[in-house]
Protein backbone atom coordinates (compact mmCIF):
# COMPACT_ATOMS: atom_id res chain seq x y z
CA MET A 1 0.00 0.00 0.00
CA TRP A 2 1.42 3.33 -1.02
CA ILE A 3 -0.04 4.95 2.10
CA MET A 4 2.52 3.06 4.18
CA ASP A 5 5.23 5.07 2.40
CA ILE A 6 3.79 8.02 4.35
CA VAL A 7 3.03 6.13 7.56
CA TRP A 8 6.59 4.94 8.26
CA PRO A 9 8.33 8.36 8.02
CA VAL A 10 5.54 10.00 10.03
CA THR A 11 5.88 7.29 12.68
CA ALA A 12 9.62 7.98 12.76
CA LEU A 13 8.87 11.61 13.67
CA TRP A 14 7.88 10.54 17.16
CA SER A 15 9.53 7.15 17.60
CA GLY A 16 12.84 7.62 15.80
CA PRO A 17 15.03 4.50 15.87
CA LEU A 18 12.11 2.34 17.03
CA ALA A 19 10.28 3.08 13.77
CA LEU A 20 13.38 2.27 11.76
CA TRP A 21 13.77 -1.05 13.59
CA ALA A 22 10.06 -1.91 13.08
CA TYR A 23 10.22 -0.96 9.41
CA PHE A 24 13.16 -3.28 8.75
CA ARG A 25 11.83 -6.00 11.06
CA PHE A 26 8.30 -6.31 9.70
CA GLY A 27 7.17 -3.19 7.88
CA ARG A 28 9.28 -3.15 4.74
CA ASN A 29 7.35 -5.95 3.06
CA ALA A 30 4.14 -3.94 3.49
CA THR A 31 5.54 -1.29 1.11
CA ARG A 32 6.62 -3.75 -1.58
CA PRO A 33 4.07 -4.90 -4.14
CA ASN A 34 3.47 -8.67 -4.08
CA ALA A 35 5.92 -9.21 -1.23
CA GLU A 36 5.67 -12.19 1.04
CA ARG A 37 4.04 -11.14 4.31
CA ALA A 38 5.33 -13.25 7.16
CA GLU A 39 4.77 -10.99 10.15
CA SER A 40 3.02 -12.32 13.20
CA PHE A 41 -0.42 -11.14 14.26
CA PRO A 42 1.02 -8.92 17.05
CA GLU A 43 3.34 -7.31 14.48
CA ALA A 44 0.43 -6.76 12.08
CA VAL A 45 -1.51 -5.09 14.89
CA ALA A 46 1.48 -2.85 15.63
CA VAL A 47 1.54 -1.78 11.97
CA ALA A 48 -2.23 -1.15 12.06
CA ALA A 49 -1.84 0.93 15.22
CA SER A 50 1.06 2.86 13.66
CA HIS A 51 -1.12 3.50 10.63
CA CYS A 52 -3.69 5.10 12.94
CA GLY A 53 -0.94 6.91 14.78
CA ALA A 54 0.35 8.52 11.60
CA GLY A 55 -3.00 10.21 11.11
CA CYS A 56 -2.94 11.29 14.75
CA THR A 57 0.60 12.62 14.42
CA LEU A 58 -0.15 14.74 11.37
CA GLY A 59 -3.42 16.00 12.83
CA ASP A 60 -1.84 16.84 16.17
CA ILE A 61 1.14 18.65 14.66
CA ALA A 62 -1.13 20.76 12.43
CA ALA A 63 -3.65 21.45 15.21
CA GLU A 64 -1.06 22.48 17.78
CA TRP A 65 0.47 25.05 15.42
CA ILE A 66 -2.95 26.31 14.33
CA HIS A 67 -3.77 26.70 18.01
CA VAL A 68 -0.58 28.74 18.51
CA LEU A 69 -1.80 31.15 15.82
CA TRP A 70 -5.47 31.17 16.86
CA PRO A 71 -5.69 30.07 20.49
CA PHE A 72 -9.00 29.40 22.16
CA THR A 73 -10.03 27.75 25.41
CA ILE A 74 -12.65 25.29 26.56
CA ALA A 75 -13.66 25.67 30.20
CA GLY A 76 -10.99 28.35 30.43
CA VAL A 77 -8.16 25.91 29.57
CA ALA A 78 -6.16 26.42 26.37
CA MET A 79 -5.06 22.76 26.34
CA PHE A 80 -8.69 21.62 26.08
CA GLY A 81 -9.20 23.94 23.12
CA ALA A 82 -6.14 22.52 21.42
CA TRP A 83 -7.30 18.97 22.14
CA SER A 84 -10.63 19.57 20.42
CA LEU A 85 -8.81 20.75 17.31
CA ASP A 86 -6.28 17.89 17.64
CA TYR A 87 -9.07 15.35 17.69
CA VAL A 88 -10.92 16.74 14.67
CA LEU A 89 -7.81 17.02 12.49
CA ALA A 90 -6.42 13.67 13.65
CA LEU A 91 -9.73 12.02 12.82
CA MET A 92 -9.76 13.63 9.36
CA PHE A 93 -6.21 12.43 8.62
CA GLY A 94 -6.92 9.02 10.15
CA ILE A 95 -10.05 8.46 8.09
CA ALA A 96 -8.17 9.51 4.95
CA PHE A 97 -5.37 7.04 5.74
CA GLN A 98 -7.92 4.26 6.35
CA TYR A 99 -9.81 5.16 3.18
CA PHE A 100 -6.68 4.75 1.06
CA THR A 101 -6.11 1.37 2.69
CA ILE A 102 -9.61 -0.09 2.75
CA VAL A 103 -10.93 0.99 -0.65
CA PRO A 104 -8.17 -0.68 -2.70
CA MET A 105 -7.98 -3.78 -0.49
CA ARG A 106 -11.72 -4.39 -0.44
CA HIS A 107 -12.48 -2.92 -3.87
CA LEU A 108 -15.18 -0.66 -2.43
CA PRO A 109 -16.96 2.26 -4.07
CA PRO A 110 -16.07 5.67 -2.55
CA GLY A 111 -19.16 6.05 -0.32
CA LYS A 112 -18.91 2.59 1.21
CA GLY A 113 -15.16 3.04 1.53
CA LEU A 114 -15.66 6.21 3.54
CA VAL A 115 -18.09 4.50 5.92
CA GLN A 116 -15.71 1.57 6.40
CA ALA A 117 -12.78 3.94 6.96
CA LEU A 118 -14.75 5.75 9.65
CA LYS A 119 -15.60 2.45 11.34
CA ALA A 120 -11.99 1.30 11.20
CA ASP A 121 -10.45 4.49 12.51
CA PHE A 122 -12.88 6.02 14.99
CA PHE A 123 -12.20 3.70 17.94
CA SER A 124 -8.52 3.26 17.15
CA LEU A 125 -7.91 6.98 16.87
CA THR A 126 -9.97 7.76 19.95
CA ALA A 127 -7.94 5.23 21.96
CA TRP A 128 -4.71 6.76 20.65
CA GLN A 129 -5.81 10.27 21.59
CA VAL A 130 -6.87 9.12 25.08
CA GLY A 131 -3.33 7.86 25.70
CA MET A 132 -1.85 11.09 24.42
CA TYR A 133 -4.22 13.30 26.37
CA GLY A 134 -3.63 11.33 29.54
CA TRP A 135 0.13 11.77 29.30
CA MET A 136 -0.08 15.47 28.40
CA ALA A 137 -2.62 16.13 31.17
CA LEU A 138 -0.30 14.46 33.67
CA MET A 139 2.57 16.64 32.48
CA ARG A 140 0.51 19.85 32.39
CA PHE A 141 -1.51 19.52 35.60
CA VAL A 142 0.69 17.35 37.85
CA VAL A 143 4.33 17.68 36.82
CA PHE A 144 4.64 21.22 35.45
CA ARG A 145 1.47 22.69 37.00
CA ALA A 146 1.46 25.29 34.25
CA PRO A 147 0.96 25.48 30.49
CA ILE A 148 3.91 24.14 28.50
CA PRO A 149 4.80 26.56 25.69
CA LYS A 150 4.21 24.88 22.32
CA PRO A 151 7.21 26.42 20.58
CA SER A 152 9.51 24.86 23.21
CA PRO A 153 11.51 21.65 22.69
CA VAL A 154 10.08 20.40 26.00
CA PHE A 155 6.54 20.45 24.61
CA TRP A 156 7.51 18.49 21.49
CA PHE A 157 9.60 16.01 23.47
CA LEU A 158 6.61 15.39 25.73
CA MET A 159 4.43 15.01 22.62
CA GLN A 160 6.78 12.28 21.39
CA ILE A 161 6.26 10.42 24.66
CA ALA A 162 2.52 11.13 24.39
CA MET A 163 2.52 9.44 20.97
CA ALA A 164 4.10 6.36 22.56
CA ALA A 165 1.36 6.45 25.21
CA GLY A 166 -1.14 6.67 22.36
CA LEU A 167 0.35 3.58 20.76
CA LEU A 168 -0.01 1.69 24.04
CA THR A 169 -3.68 2.61 24.45
CA ALA A 170 -4.52 2.05 20.77
CA TYR A 171 -2.80 -1.33 20.47
CA PRO A 172 -5.50 -3.41 22.23
CA VAL A 173 -8.23 -1.60 20.30
CA ASN A 174 -6.42 -2.33 17.03
CA TRP A 175 -6.04 -5.97 18.09
CA TRP A 176 -9.82 -6.18 18.43
CA LEU A 177 -10.48 -4.24 15.18
CA VAL A 178 -8.10 -6.38 13.11
CA ARG A 179 -9.27 -9.63 14.73
CA SER A 180 -12.91 -8.76 14.04
CA GLY A 181 -12.21 -7.74 10.43
CA VAL A 182 -13.27 -4.11 10.87
CA LYS A 183 -9.71 -2.99 10.18
CA GLU A 184 -7.40 -4.50 7.60
CA LYS A 185 -4.29 -6.44 8.52
CA MET A 186 -1.51 -4.37 7.01
């Protein structure tokens, strides 16, 4: 799937050498047409979760910088405003990534493909964002007890760890989605 040529570099944005190891260990065959696919089910789930995470990563990066330019709050908290924008953009990217996976694999017409992409990504992406939000809330409200400036390296380092937390919370959901056939094994 050509979409994996985007997923792997985006995954490397937050996971660095881990993404490189995973790509060479079990991901490279996914980007080669007609390649033998010998990865285990847990590895396939990790790739499916990373696929979801790539949409989250792009959506979150875009949303955070948009929020820097046009900040707004929810319940008086800027972070909650950013999270609402994060979620919407991550979901849009995630559904697009799923669409370009599901439609060619299942040979679906565009409308049905969109519905299936929404089904495949909604729970996975929501689980990913819950892990991210949990980590960032812990950092913001417990550790730093103050807003963390988005242009700072600290914020983006914490976001990298938040992405890893997102992977951990999305993995079991992706296991269920792939096992049940809602999401494709990639």
